[in-house]
């Protein structure tokens, strides 16, 4: 399997960390918060597709953000629809 260098660079940027007002905020977490600000009520699949990450990666970060009380979800049948905390 051949992995292009530009793909590795893109992935390393996603996992890089940077300083914000809240201290360290992961880039993926920031992108999820931004995405949910624009499209509240998104499913894990929709978020993963937009961020171009695996569904399990998106799910992990959503649950971390939920623990930080930045996002929440509502269950609609088998689907969790995620939104920023306080927005339903």
Foldseek 3Di string as FASTA:
>chain_A
DDDDPVVVVVVVQQQDWDQDPVGIDHNLLVLLQVVQVVPFQAWLVVSCVVVVHDSVVSVVSQVVCVVVQQKDWDDDPPTTGMHGHPDD
